[in-house]
Amino acid sequence: MEPLTVCGFSIGDGQAWAWADAEAYDDGAPSGRDVRKMGVSVGGAVVIGAGDASVVGEVAQVAAQLKTTALLVAVETMAEAAQYVAAAKRGLRESRGAALPPSSHFGVVGVEGGRLRGFTMRQAEGFRLVEVEAWASPASASQPRSAAEVLAVALAQLEIIKREFPGATGRALTIAKIGPLGVATTTVRL
């Protein structure tokens, strides 16, 4: 099962944009509660995730607690945390005979040496880091370059999710603008 999340990032024009909705799902249906899907490190690395809400939330929390300003160190730390948490959660569910959650995947974007860089890491690939300029879940051919374009892409992604889950609302959308001077975030209701 693919994760049910409106999220992504795009790098271009000397800045990057990242976004993530806040809707939690239980047994493949909107639960009516929010979950944290974005974390911002002190050094300005932004992580967004889709998949198992508990894994995504814990990796977002790890990002928020990172003190490093080195993007590659932050990304590697988040990948290690994702591997550890996903394995622990999976083992716990298997031991209880519970259904396994969807596979998690993440996007991370930040500044390294004055240059914007983005990475993905997917559970199905052992959270191996892959450098990319843009990533979105559900996939999108658009690469937004403004907050208004991010909102348009997020709403289009939400429509894709609504085809399978008509009750989906996304709840709230957190948008981050990333640049050489840092990260600014805002949240809007969807």
C-alpha atoms as a PDB file:
ATOM      1  CA  MET A   1       0.000   0.000   0.000  1.00  0.00           C
ATOM      2  CA  GLU A   2       1.336   3.436  -0.927  1.00  0.00           C
ATOM      3  CA  PRO A   3       1.380   6.023   1.853  1.00  0.00           C
ATOM      4  CA  LEU A   4      -1.574   8.400   2.026  1.00  0.00           C
ATOM      5  CA  THR A   5       0.079  11.785   2.374  1.00  0.00           C
ATOM      6  CA  VAL A   6       0.149  15.094   0.555  1.00  0.00           C
ATOM      7  CA  CYS A   7       3.823  16.029   0.676  1.00  0.00           C
ATOM      8  CA  GLY A   8       6.861  16.918  -1.386  1.00  0.00           C
ATOM      9  CA  PHE A   9       9.715  19.302  -2.041  1.00  0.00           C
ATOM     10  CA  SER A  10      11.085  21.233  -4.978  1.00  0.00           C
ATOM     11  CA  ILE A  11      14.420  23.016  -5.473  1.00  0.00           C
ATOM     12  CA  GLY A  12      14.898  25.869  -7.919  1.00  0.00           C
ATOM     13  CA  ASP A  13      15.669  29.563  -8.337  1.00  0.00           C
ATOM     14  CA  GLY A  14      17.985  29.644  -5.298  1.00  0.00           C
ATOM     15  CA  GLN A  15      15.343  28.378  -2.880  1.00  0.00           C
ATOM     16  CA  ALA A  16      13.418  25.249  -2.033  1.00  0.00           C
ATOM     17  CA  TRP A  17       9.845  24.585  -0.974  1.00  0.00           C
ATOM     18  CA  ALA A  18       8.670  21.650   1.133  1.00  0.00           C
ATOM     19  CA  TRP A  19       5.134  20.761   2.169  1.00  0.00           C
ATOM     20  CA  ALA A  20       3.213  18.143   4.140  1.00  0.00           C
ATOM     21  CA  ASP A  21      -0.380  17.703   5.178  1.00  0.00           C
ATOM     22  CA  ALA A  22      -1.362  16.686   8.706  1.00  0.00           C
ATOM     23  CA  GLU A  23      -4.043  14.036   8.169  1.00  0.00           C
ATOM     24  CA  ALA A  24      -3.638  10.739   9.997  1.00  0.00           C
ATOM     25  CA  TYR A  25      -5.094   7.501   8.640  1.00  0.00           C
ATOM     26  CA  ASP A  26      -6.194   4.427  10.555  1.00  0.00           C
ATOM     27  CA  ASP A  27      -6.702   1.206   8.616  1.00  0.00           C
ATOM     28  CA  GLY A  28      -6.516   3.119   5.335  1.00  0.00           C
ATOM     29  CA  ALA A  29      -9.158   5.727   6.194  1.00  0.00           C
ATOM     30  CA  PRO A  30      -8.899   9.324   7.469  1.00  0.00           C
ATOM     31  CA  SER A  31      -8.973   9.249  11.271  1.00  0.00           C
ATOM     32  CA  GLY A  32      -9.979  12.859  11.949  1.00  0.00           C
ATOM     33  CA  ARG A  33      -6.795  13.588  13.887  1.00  0.00           C
ATOM     34  CA  ASP A  34      -3.573  15.390  13.009  1.00  0.00           C
ATOM     35  CA  VAL A  35      -0.091  13.894  12.827  1.00  0.00           C
ATOM     36  CA  ARG A  36       3.263  15.644  12.454  1.00  0.00           C
ATOM     37  CA  LYS A  37       4.847  14.888   9.067  1.00  0.00           C
ATOM     38  CA  MET A  38       7.487  17.631   8.878  1.00  0.00           C
ATOM     39  CA  GLY A  39      10.517  18.343  11.056  1.00  0.00           C
ATOM     40  CA  VAL A  40      13.029  21.184  10.811  1.00  0.00           C
ATOM     41  CA  SER A  41      16.513  20.872  12.316  1.00  0.00           C
ATOM     42  CA  VAL A  42      18.352  23.743  13.977  1.00  0.00           C
ATOM     43  CA  GLY A  43      20.731  23.660  11.004  1.00  0.00           C
ATOM     44  CA  GLY A  44      17.864  24.116   8.527  1.00  0.00           C
ATOM     45  CA  ALA A  45      17.342  20.587   7.206  1.00  0.00           C
ATOM     46  CA  VAL A  46      13.649  19.936   6.516  1.00  0.00           C
ATOM     47  CA  VAL A  47      12.326  16.362   6.537  1.00  0.00           C
ATOM     48  CA  ILE A  48       8.885  15.358   5.300  1.00  0.00           C
ATOM     49  CA  GLY A  49       7.502  11.864   5.396  1.00  0.00           C
ATOM     50  CA  ALA A  50       4.759   9.564   4.209  1.00  0.00           C
ATOM     51  CA  GLY A  51       3.767   6.131   5.440  1.00  0.00           C
ATOM     52  CA  ASP A  52       3.554   4.740   8.957  1.00  0.00           C
ATOM     53  CA  ALA A  53       2.515   7.777  11.035  1.00  0.00           C
ATOM     54  CA  SER A  54       4.488   6.619  14.075  1.00  0.00           C
ATOM     55  CA  VAL A  55       7.700   6.238  12.032  1.00  0.00           C
ATOM     56  CA  VAL A  56       7.173   9.548  10.223  1.00  0.00           C
ATOM     57  CA  GLY A  57       6.431  11.355  13.486  1.00  0.00           C
ATOM     58  CA  GLU A  58       9.499   9.984  15.247  1.00  0.00           C
ATOM     59  CA  VAL A  59      11.822  10.874  12.346  1.00  0.00           C
ATOM     60  CA  ALA A  60      10.325  14.403  12.252  1.00  0.00           C
ATOM     61  CA  GLN A  61      11.028  14.663  15.988  1.00  0.00           C
ATOM     62  CA  VAL A  62      14.632  13.477  15.486  1.00  0.00           C
ATOM     63  CA  ALA A  63      15.071  16.194  12.838  1.00  0.00           C
ATOM     64  CA  ALA A  64      13.743  18.859  15.198  1.00  0.00           C
ATOM     65  CA  GLN A  65      16.256  17.787  17.874  1.00  0.00           C
ATOM     66  CA  LEU A  66      19.323  17.764  15.599  1.00  0.00           C
ATOM     67  CA  LYS A  67      21.861  20.446  16.497  1.00  0.00           C
ATOM     68  CA  THR A  68      24.184  19.942  13.514  1.00  0.00           C
ATOM     69  CA  THR A  69      24.440  22.473  10.704  1.00  0.00           C
ATOM     70  CA  ALA A  70      25.953  19.872   8.346  1.00  0.00           C
ATOM     71  CA  LEU A  71      23.202  18.726   5.969  1.00  0.00           C
ATOM     72  CA  LEU A  72      24.806  15.378   5.117  1.00  0.00           C
ATOM     73  CA  VAL A  73      25.251  14.528   8.809  1.00  0.00           C
ATOM     74  CA  ALA A  74      21.601  15.450   9.426  1.00  0.00           C
ATOM     75  CA  VAL A  75      20.370  13.373   6.472  1.00  0.00           C
ATOM     76  CA  GLU A  76      22.428  10.342   7.507  1.00  0.00           C
ATOM     77  CA  THR A  77      21.175  10.657  11.107  1.00  0.00           C
ATOM     78  CA  MET A  78      17.571  10.789   9.897  1.00  0.00           C
ATOM     79  CA  ALA A  79      18.122   7.735   7.666  1.00  0.00           C
ATOM     80  CA  GLU A  80      19.572   5.786  10.621  1.00  0.00           C
ATOM     81  CA  ALA A  81      16.648   6.857  12.823  1.00  0.00           C
ATOM     82  CA  ALA A  82      14.155   5.800  10.133  1.00  0.00           C
ATOM     83  CA  GLN A  83      15.798   2.360   9.824  1.00  0.00           C
ATOM     84  CA  TYR A  84      15.801   1.822  13.573  1.00  0.00           C
ATOM     85  CA  VAL A  85      12.251   3.036  14.232  1.00  0.00           C
ATOM     86  CA  ALA A  86      10.729   1.227  11.223  1.00  0.00           C
ATOM     87  CA  ALA A  87      12.390  -2.065  12.208  1.00  0.00           C
ATOM     88  CA  ALA A  88      11.276  -1.720  15.828  1.00  0.00           C
ATOM     89  CA  LYS A  89       7.683  -0.856  14.879  1.00  0.00           C
ATOM     90  CA  ARG A  90       7.520  -3.672  12.343  1.00  0.00           C
ATOM     91  CA  GLY A  91       8.885  -6.205  14.852  1.00  0.00           C
ATOM     92  CA  LEU A  92       6.376  -5.101  17.469  1.00  0.00           C
ATOM     93  CA  ARG A  93       3.462  -5.425  15.050  1.00  0.00           C
ATOM     94  CA  GLU A  94       4.641  -8.831  13.813  1.00  0.00           C
ATOM     95  CA  SER A  95       4.965 -10.109  17.400  1.00  0.00           C
ATOM     96  CA  ARG A  96       1.357  -9.069  18.040  1.00  0.00           C
ATOM     97  CA  GLY A  97       0.071 -10.511  14.771  1.00  0.00           C
ATOM     98  CA  ALA A  98      -1.084  -7.031  13.739  1.00  0.00           C
ATOM     99  CA  ALA A  99      -1.359  -5.836  10.150  1.00  0.00           C
ATOM    100  CA  LEU A 100       1.797  -4.246   8.803  1.00  0.00           C
ATOM    101  CA  PRO A 101       1.663  -0.522   7.993  1.00  0.00           C
ATOM    102  CA  PRO A 102       2.446   0.971   4.598  1.00  0.00           C
ATOM    103  CA  SER A 103       6.101   1.376   3.774  1.00  0.00           C
ATOM    104  CA  SER A 104       7.473   4.792   4.766  1.00  0.00           C
ATOM    105  CA  HIS A 105       9.422   7.191   2.631  1.00  0.00           C
ATOM    106  CA  PHE A 106      10.949  10.599   3.246  1.00  0.00           C
ATOM    107  CA  GLY A 107      12.221  13.673   1.494  1.00  0.00           C
ATOM    108  CA  VAL A 108      14.919  15.862   3.044  1.00  0.00           C
ATOM    109  CA  VAL A 109      16.015  19.248   1.748  1.00  0.00           C
ATOM    110  CA  GLY A 110      18.494  21.810   3.055  1.00  0.00           C
ATOM    111  CA  VAL A 111      21.635  23.804   2.364  1.00  0.00           C
ATOM    112  CA  GLU A 112      25.142  22.308   2.244  1.00  0.00           C
ATOM    113  CA  GLY A 113      28.102  24.528   1.359  1.00  0.00           C
ATOM    114  CA  GLY A 114      25.818  27.301   0.096  1.00  0.00           C
ATOM    115  CA  ARG A 115      24.029  24.890  -2.264  1.00  0.00           C
ATOM    116  CA  LEU A 116      20.471  23.567  -1.902  1.00  0.00           C
ATOM    117  CA  ARG A 117      20.308  19.779  -1.946  1.00  0.00           C
ATOM    118  CA  GLY A 118      17.457  17.322  -1.691  1.00  0.00           C
ATOM    119  CA  PHE A 119      17.326  13.614  -0.912  1.00  0.00           C
ATOM    120  CA  THR A 120      14.776  10.837  -0.755  1.00  0.00           C
ATOM    121  CA  MET A 121      14.944   7.709   1.352  1.00  0.00           C
ATOM    122  CA  ARG A 122      12.462   4.867   0.978  1.00  0.00           C
ATOM    123  CA  GLN A 123      11.908   2.026   3.402  1.00  0.00           C
ATOM    124  CA  ALA A 124      11.549  -0.393   0.480  1.00  0.00           C
ATOM    125  CA  GLU A 125      15.160   0.501  -0.459  1.00  0.00           C
ATOM    126  CA  GLY A 126      16.569   0.305   3.080  1.00  0.00           C
ATOM    127  CA  PHE A 127      16.351   4.098   3.466  1.00  0.00           C
ATOM    128  CA  ARG A 128      19.204   4.474   0.978  1.00  0.00           C
ATOM    129  CA  LEU A 129      19.809   8.158   0.212  1.00  0.00           C
ATOM    130  CA  VAL A 130      19.111   9.287  -3.356  1.00  0.00           C
ATOM    131  CA  GLU A 131      19.847  12.886  -4.328  1.00  0.00           C
ATOM    132  CA  VAL A 132      17.029  14.542  -6.306  1.00  0.00           C
ATOM    133  CA  GLU A 133      15.817  18.054  -7.213  1.00  0.00           C
ATOM    134  CA  ALA A 134      12.143  17.329  -6.490  1.00  0.00           C
ATOM    135  CA  TRP A 135       9.944  14.662  -4.931  1.00  0.00           C
ATOM    136  CA  ALA A 136       6.239  14.406  -4.214  1.00  0.00           C
ATOM    137  CA  SER A 137       3.762  11.902  -2.803  1.00  0.00           C
ATOM    138  CA  PRO A 138       1.465  11.349  -4.597  1.00  0.00           C
ATOM    139  CA  ALA A 139       3.746  11.985  -7.558  1.00  0.00           C
ATOM    140  CA  SER A 140       3.462  15.335  -9.306  1.00  0.00           C
ATOM    141  CA  ALA A 141       5.062  16.605 -12.495  1.00  0.00           C
ATOM    142  CA  SER A 142       4.873  20.174 -11.141  1.00  0.00           C
ATOM    143  CA  GLN A 143       7.820  21.749  -9.377  1.00  0.00           C
ATOM    144  CA  PRO A 144       6.399  24.669  -7.400  1.00  0.00           C
ATOM    145  CA  ARG A 145       8.426  27.875  -7.078  1.00  0.00           C
ATOM    146  CA  SER A 146       6.131  29.832  -4.732  1.00  0.00           C
ATOM    147  CA  ALA A 147       3.784  29.247  -1.798  1.00  0.00           C
ATOM    148  CA  ALA A 148       0.797  29.668  -4.120  1.00  0.00           C
ATOM    149  CA  GLU A 149       2.190  26.994  -6.469  1.00  0.00           C
ATOM    150  CA  VAL A 150       2.844  24.686  -3.499  1.00  0.00           C
ATOM    151  CA  LEU A 151      -0.782  25.070  -2.421  1.00  0.00           C
ATOM    152  CA  ALA A 152      -1.982  24.300  -5.977  1.00  0.00           C
ATOM    153  CA  VAL A 153       0.158  21.134  -6.130  1.00  0.00           C
ATOM    154  CA  ALA A 154      -0.982  20.054  -2.652  1.00  0.00           C
ATOM    155  CA  LEU A 155      -4.639  20.480  -3.593  1.00  0.00           C
ATOM    156  CA  ALA A 156      -4.073  18.439  -6.785  1.00  0.00           C
ATOM    157  CA  GLN A 157      -2.382  15.718  -4.692  1.00  0.00           C
ATOM    158  CA  LEU A 158      -5.323  15.746  -2.276  1.00  0.00           C
ATOM    159  CA  GLU A 159      -7.715  15.197  -5.196  1.00  0.00           C
ATOM    160  CA  ILE A 160      -5.725  12.074  -6.135  1.00  0.00           C
ATOM    161  CA  ILE A 161      -6.101  10.741  -2.577  1.00  0.00           C
ATOM    162  CA  LYS A 162      -9.826  11.619  -2.541  1.00  0.00           C
ATOM    163  CA  ARG A 163     -10.417   9.288  -5.494  1.00  0.00           C
ATOM    164  CA  GLU A 164      -9.729   6.373  -3.155  1.00  0.00           C
ATOM    165  CA  PHE A 165     -10.751   8.032   0.122  1.00  0.00           C
ATOM    166  CA  PRO A 166     -13.549  10.564  -0.465  1.00  0.00           C
ATOM    167  CA  GLY A 167     -13.461  11.647   3.200  1.00  0.00           C
ATOM    168  CA  ALA A 168      -9.848  12.839   3.006  1.00  0.00           C
ATOM    169  CA  THR A 169      -9.321  16.523   3.802  1.00  0.00           C
ATOM    170  CA  GLY A 170      -5.573  16.790   4.441  1.00  0.00           C
ATOM    171  CA  ARG A 171      -6.591  18.804   7.528  1.00  0.00           C
ATOM    172  CA  ALA A 172      -3.722  21.325   7.474  1.00  0.00           C
ATOM    173  CA  LEU A 173      -0.773  21.962   5.165  1.00  0.00           C
ATOM    174  CA  THR A 174       2.619  23.026   6.512  1.00  0.00           C
ATOM    175  CA  ILE A 175       4.749  24.837   3.945  1.00  0.00           C
ATOM    176  CA  ALA A 176       8.464  25.526   4.417  1.00  0.00           C
ATOM    177  CA  LYS A 177      10.592  27.899   2.344  1.00  0.00           C
ATOM    178  CA  ILE A 178      14.253  26.905   2.532  1.00  0.00           C
ATOM    179  CA  GLY A 179      17.128  29.143   1.504  1.00  0.00           C
ATOM    180  CA  PRO A 180      20.719  30.051   2.401  1.00  0.00           C
ATOM    181  CA  LEU A 181      19.510  32.230   5.311  1.00  0.00           C
ATOM    182  CA  GLY A 182      17.331  29.554   6.898  1.00  0.00           C
ATOM    183  CA  VAL A 183      13.835  28.121   6.956  1.00  0.00           C
ATOM    184  CA  ALA A 184      10.471  29.856   7.291  1.00  0.00           C
ATOM    185  CA  THR A 185       7.293  27.835   7.818  1.00  0.00           C
ATOM    186  CA  THR A 186       3.583  28.501   7.797  1.00  0.00           C
ATOM    187  CA  THR A 187       0.528  26.310   8.175  1.00  0.00           C
ATOM    188  CA  VAL A 188      -2.820  26.713   6.405  1.00  0.00           C
ATOM    189  CA  ARG A 189      -6.043  24.744   6.723  1.00  0.00           C
ATOM    190  CA  LEU A 190      -6.933  22.722   3.641  1.00  0.00           C
END
